[in-house]
N, C-alpha and C. Protein backbone atom coordinates (compact mmCIF):
# COMPACT_ATOMS: atom_id res chain seq x y z
N MET A 1 -0.55 -23.58 115.81
CA MET A 1 -1.66 -23.25 116.67
C MET A 1 -2.23 -24.53 117.28
N LEU A 2 -2.70 -24.42 118.49
CA LEU A 2 -3.20 -25.56 119.22
C LEU A 2 -4.38 -26.23 118.52
N TRP A 3 -5.33 -25.43 118.02
CA TRP A 3 -6.52 -26.01 117.41
C TRP A 3 -6.18 -26.82 116.15
N ARG A 4 -5.11 -26.43 115.42
CA ARG A 4 -4.69 -27.20 114.24
C ARG A 4 -4.18 -28.57 114.64
N LYS A 5 -3.40 -28.63 115.72
CA LYS A 5 -2.90 -29.91 116.21
C LYS A 5 -4.05 -30.82 116.63
N ILE A 6 -5.04 -30.23 117.26
CA ILE A 6 -6.19 -31.02 117.68
C ILE A 6 -6.96 -31.54 116.47
N LEU A 7 -7.20 -30.66 115.48
CA LEU A 7 -7.94 -31.08 114.29
C LEU A 7 -7.21 -32.12 113.47
N GLU A 8 -5.87 -32.08 113.47
CA GLU A 8 -5.11 -33.07 112.72
C GLU A 8 -5.30 -34.47 113.29
N LYS A 9 -5.60 -34.56 114.57
CA LYS A 9 -5.77 -35.84 115.22
C LYS A 9 -7.19 -36.38 115.10
N ILE A 10 -8.10 -35.57 114.61
CA ILE A 10 -9.51 -35.97 114.51
C ILE A 10 -9.83 -36.39 113.08
N ASP A 11 -10.49 -37.54 112.94
CA ASP A 11 -11.01 -37.97 111.64
C ASP A 11 -12.36 -37.28 111.47
N VAL A 12 -12.40 -36.23 110.67
CA VAL A 12 -13.59 -35.39 110.56
C VAL A 12 -14.78 -36.19 110.03
N GLU A 13 -14.58 -37.01 109.03
CA GLU A 13 -15.69 -37.79 108.47
C GLU A 13 -16.27 -38.75 109.52
N GLU A 14 -15.40 -39.36 110.30
CA GLU A 14 -15.86 -40.26 111.35
C GLU A 14 -16.64 -39.49 112.41
N ALA A 15 -16.13 -38.32 112.79
CA ALA A 15 -16.81 -37.51 113.80
C ALA A 15 -18.18 -37.06 113.31
N LEU A 16 -18.28 -36.62 112.05
CA LEU A 16 -19.57 -36.19 111.51
C LEU A 16 -20.54 -37.35 111.42
N GLY A 17 -20.04 -38.53 111.12
CA GLY A 17 -20.89 -39.72 111.08
C GLY A 17 -21.48 -40.02 112.44
N LYS A 18 -20.73 -39.80 113.50
CA LYS A 18 -21.24 -40.03 114.85
C LYS A 18 -22.29 -38.99 115.24
N PHE A 19 -22.19 -37.78 114.70
CA PHE A 19 -23.18 -36.75 115.00
C PHE A 19 -24.57 -37.16 114.54
N SER A 20 -24.66 -37.87 113.42
CA SER A 20 -25.98 -38.24 112.90
C SER A 20 -26.68 -39.23 113.83
N LYS A 21 -25.92 -39.91 114.68
CA LYS A 21 -26.52 -40.86 115.63
C LYS A 21 -26.78 -40.22 116.99
N ALA A 22 -26.27 -39.03 117.20
CA ALA A 22 -26.39 -38.38 118.51
C ALA A 22 -27.73 -37.68 118.66
N ARG A 23 -28.21 -37.67 119.89
CA ARG A 23 -29.37 -36.84 120.23
C ARG A 23 -28.84 -35.66 121.02
N VAL A 24 -29.28 -34.48 120.66
CA VAL A 24 -28.75 -33.27 121.26
C VAL A 24 -29.87 -32.54 122.00
N LEU A 25 -29.57 -32.12 123.21
CA LEU A 25 -30.51 -31.33 123.99
C LEU A 25 -29.86 -29.97 124.24
N VAL A 26 -30.50 -28.92 123.78
CA VAL A 26 -30.00 -27.57 123.97
C VAL A 26 -30.76 -26.95 125.14
N ILE A 27 -30.01 -26.49 126.12
CA ILE A 27 -30.61 -25.85 127.29
C ILE A 27 -30.12 -24.41 127.34
N GLY A 28 -31.03 -23.48 127.38
CA GLY A 28 -30.62 -22.08 127.44
C GLY A 28 -31.80 -21.16 127.20
N ASP A 29 -31.50 -19.91 127.00
CA ASP A 29 -32.52 -18.90 126.76
C ASP A 29 -32.99 -18.97 125.31
N LEU A 30 -34.28 -19.20 125.12
CA LEU A 30 -34.87 -19.18 123.78
C LEU A 30 -35.27 -17.73 123.51
N ILE A 31 -34.56 -17.12 122.59
CA ILE A 31 -34.69 -15.68 122.36
C ILE A 31 -35.23 -15.43 120.95
N LEU A 32 -36.08 -14.43 120.83
CA LEU A 32 -36.53 -13.96 119.52
C LEU A 32 -35.91 -12.59 119.31
N ASP A 33 -34.95 -12.50 118.38
CA ASP A 33 -34.30 -11.23 118.08
C ASP A 33 -35.20 -10.41 117.16
N HIS A 34 -35.37 -9.15 117.49
CA HIS A 34 -36.21 -8.24 116.70
C HIS A 34 -35.31 -7.14 116.15
N PHE A 35 -35.22 -7.08 114.82
CA PHE A 35 -34.37 -6.09 114.16
C PHE A 35 -35.25 -5.04 113.49
N VAL A 36 -34.85 -3.80 113.62
CA VAL A 36 -35.53 -2.68 112.98
C VAL A 36 -34.54 -2.05 112.00
N TRP A 37 -34.92 -1.99 110.74
CA TRP A 37 -34.06 -1.48 109.68
C TRP A 37 -34.62 -0.15 109.19
N GLY A 38 -33.75 0.81 108.98
CA GLY A 38 -34.21 2.09 108.49
C GLY A 38 -33.09 3.10 108.36
N LYS A 39 -33.49 4.34 108.14
CA LYS A 39 -32.52 5.43 107.96
C LYS A 39 -32.59 6.38 109.14
N VAL A 40 -31.44 6.89 109.52
CA VAL A 40 -31.35 7.89 110.58
C VAL A 40 -30.87 9.18 109.95
N GLU A 41 -31.67 10.23 110.10
CA GLU A 41 -31.29 11.52 109.54
C GLU A 41 -31.13 12.62 110.59
N ARG A 42 -31.55 12.29 111.83
CA ARG A 42 -31.42 13.32 112.87
C ARG A 42 -31.39 12.65 114.24
N ILE A 43 -31.00 13.44 115.22
CA ILE A 43 -30.99 13.02 116.62
C ILE A 43 -32.18 13.67 117.32
N SER A 44 -32.84 12.93 118.20
CA SER A 44 -34.00 13.45 118.92
C SER A 44 -33.61 14.65 119.78
N PRO A 45 -34.44 15.69 119.78
CA PRO A 45 -34.14 16.84 120.64
C PRO A 45 -34.39 16.55 122.13
N GLU A 46 -35.21 15.55 122.45
CA GLU A 46 -35.52 15.22 123.84
C GLU A 46 -34.43 14.39 124.51
N ALA A 47 -33.72 13.58 123.73
CA ALA A 47 -32.68 12.71 124.29
C ALA A 47 -31.66 12.43 123.19
N PRO A 48 -30.45 12.09 123.57
CA PRO A 48 -29.42 11.83 122.55
C PRO A 48 -29.57 10.43 121.92
N VAL A 49 -30.68 10.26 121.20
CA VAL A 49 -30.93 8.99 120.51
C VAL A 49 -31.31 9.28 119.06
N PRO A 50 -30.96 8.37 118.17
CA PRO A 50 -31.32 8.59 116.76
C PRO A 50 -32.81 8.39 116.52
N VAL A 51 -33.36 9.18 115.62
CA VAL A 51 -34.74 9.03 115.18
C VAL A 51 -34.69 8.21 113.89
N VAL A 52 -35.30 7.04 113.91
CA VAL A 52 -35.21 6.11 112.79
C VAL A 52 -36.48 6.16 111.96
N GLU A 53 -36.32 6.29 110.65
CA GLU A 53 -37.44 6.13 109.72
C GLU A 53 -37.45 4.66 109.33
N VAL A 54 -38.37 3.90 109.94
CA VAL A 54 -38.39 2.44 109.79
C VAL A 54 -38.77 2.05 108.37
N GLU A 55 -37.92 1.21 107.76
CA GLU A 55 -38.19 0.69 106.42
C GLU A 55 -38.69 -0.74 106.46
N LYS A 56 -38.15 -1.52 107.40
CA LYS A 56 -38.63 -2.90 107.56
C LYS A 56 -38.23 -3.41 108.93
N GLU A 57 -38.88 -4.50 109.34
CA GLU A 57 -38.57 -5.17 110.59
C GLU A 57 -38.44 -6.66 110.31
N SER A 58 -37.56 -7.31 111.06
CA SER A 58 -37.42 -8.76 110.92
C SER A 58 -37.21 -9.38 112.28
N LYS A 59 -37.68 -10.61 112.42
CA LYS A 59 -37.53 -11.36 113.67
C LYS A 59 -36.85 -12.69 113.34
N LEU A 60 -35.80 -12.99 114.10
CA LEU A 60 -35.03 -14.21 113.89
C LEU A 60 -34.80 -14.90 115.22
N LEU A 61 -34.55 -16.20 115.15
CA LEU A 61 -34.24 -16.94 116.37
C LEU A 61 -32.90 -16.49 116.92
N GLY A 62 -32.82 -16.38 118.23
CA GLY A 62 -31.58 -16.00 118.88
C GLY A 62 -31.31 -16.91 120.07
N GLY A 63 -30.14 -16.78 120.67
CA GLY A 63 -29.77 -17.56 121.84
C GLY A 63 -29.81 -19.05 121.57
N ALA A 64 -30.33 -19.81 122.53
CA ALA A 64 -30.39 -21.27 122.41
C ALA A 64 -31.34 -21.71 121.29
N ALA A 65 -32.34 -20.90 120.97
CA ALA A 65 -33.24 -21.24 119.87
C ALA A 65 -32.48 -21.26 118.55
N ASN A 66 -31.55 -20.34 118.36
CA ASN A 66 -30.73 -20.30 117.16
C ASN A 66 -29.79 -21.50 117.11
N VAL A 67 -29.21 -21.86 118.25
CA VAL A 67 -28.32 -23.03 118.30
C VAL A 67 -29.10 -24.30 117.94
N ALA A 68 -30.28 -24.47 118.54
CA ALA A 68 -31.10 -25.65 118.24
C ALA A 68 -31.47 -25.71 116.76
N HIS A 69 -31.79 -24.57 116.18
CA HIS A 69 -32.11 -24.52 114.76
C HIS A 69 -30.90 -24.87 113.89
N ASN A 70 -29.73 -24.36 114.25
CA ASN A 70 -28.52 -24.57 113.45
C ASN A 70 -28.00 -26.00 113.49
N ILE A 71 -28.18 -26.71 114.59
CA ILE A 71 -27.65 -28.07 114.66
C ILE A 71 -28.54 -29.09 113.98
N ARG A 72 -29.75 -28.71 113.66
CA ARG A 72 -30.64 -29.66 112.97
C ARG A 72 -30.22 -29.79 111.52
N GLY A 73 -30.14 -31.01 111.08
CA GLY A 73 -29.80 -31.29 109.70
C GLY A 73 -30.40 -32.62 109.30
N PRO A 74 -30.12 -33.08 108.09
CA PRO A 74 -30.67 -34.37 107.65
C PRO A 74 -30.24 -35.50 108.59
N GLY A 75 -31.21 -36.18 109.15
CA GLY A 75 -30.93 -37.32 110.02
C GLY A 75 -30.56 -36.95 111.45
N TRP A 76 -30.52 -35.67 111.76
CA TRP A 76 -30.15 -35.26 113.11
C TRP A 76 -31.43 -35.05 113.92
N SER A 77 -31.39 -35.45 115.17
CA SER A 77 -32.55 -35.22 116.02
C SER A 77 -32.11 -34.47 117.26
N GLY A 78 -33.03 -33.79 117.84
CA GLY A 78 -32.69 -33.04 119.04
C GLY A 78 -33.89 -32.25 119.50
N GLY A 79 -33.67 -31.47 120.53
CA GLY A 79 -34.75 -30.67 121.06
C GLY A 79 -34.21 -29.55 121.91
N ALA A 80 -35.12 -28.74 122.39
CA ALA A 80 -34.74 -27.61 123.24
C ALA A 80 -35.65 -27.61 124.46
N VAL A 81 -35.13 -27.14 125.55
CA VAL A 81 -35.89 -27.04 126.79
C VAL A 81 -35.93 -25.59 127.21
N ARG A 82 -37.11 -25.15 127.60
CA ARG A 82 -37.26 -23.79 128.10
C ARG A 82 -37.97 -23.89 129.45
N VAL A 83 -37.44 -23.20 130.41
CA VAL A 83 -38.07 -23.15 131.72
C VAL A 83 -38.77 -21.81 131.82
N TYR A 84 -40.04 -21.84 132.12
CA TYR A 84 -40.83 -20.62 132.25
C TYR A 84 -41.15 -20.42 133.71
N ARG A 85 -40.88 -19.26 134.22
CA ARG A 85 -41.12 -18.97 135.63
C ARG A 85 -41.93 -17.70 135.74
N ARG A 86 -43.03 -17.78 136.46
CA ARG A 86 -43.81 -16.56 136.71
C ARG A 86 -43.23 -15.82 137.87
N ARG A 87 -43.29 -14.51 137.80
CA ARG A 87 -42.77 -13.69 138.90
C ARG A 87 -43.88 -13.19 139.76
């Protein structure tokens, strides 16, 4: 596979060492994912959608916000940019 040939040529420890010196700027949509957890026991009579008995809700970073969060580690620095436009 092509990716194996590429990885064989890369010194992983050296590459990771360079990451700690890099500054990273993530540009993209900063998204807040909203999850609704529950049980579905019937379909709505008004429309073909499930009726959910909500048990819990959770909100997690999504999109570029998730990427920015995931690349941060010990000694790593970076930031995120969000452009806000009024309509």
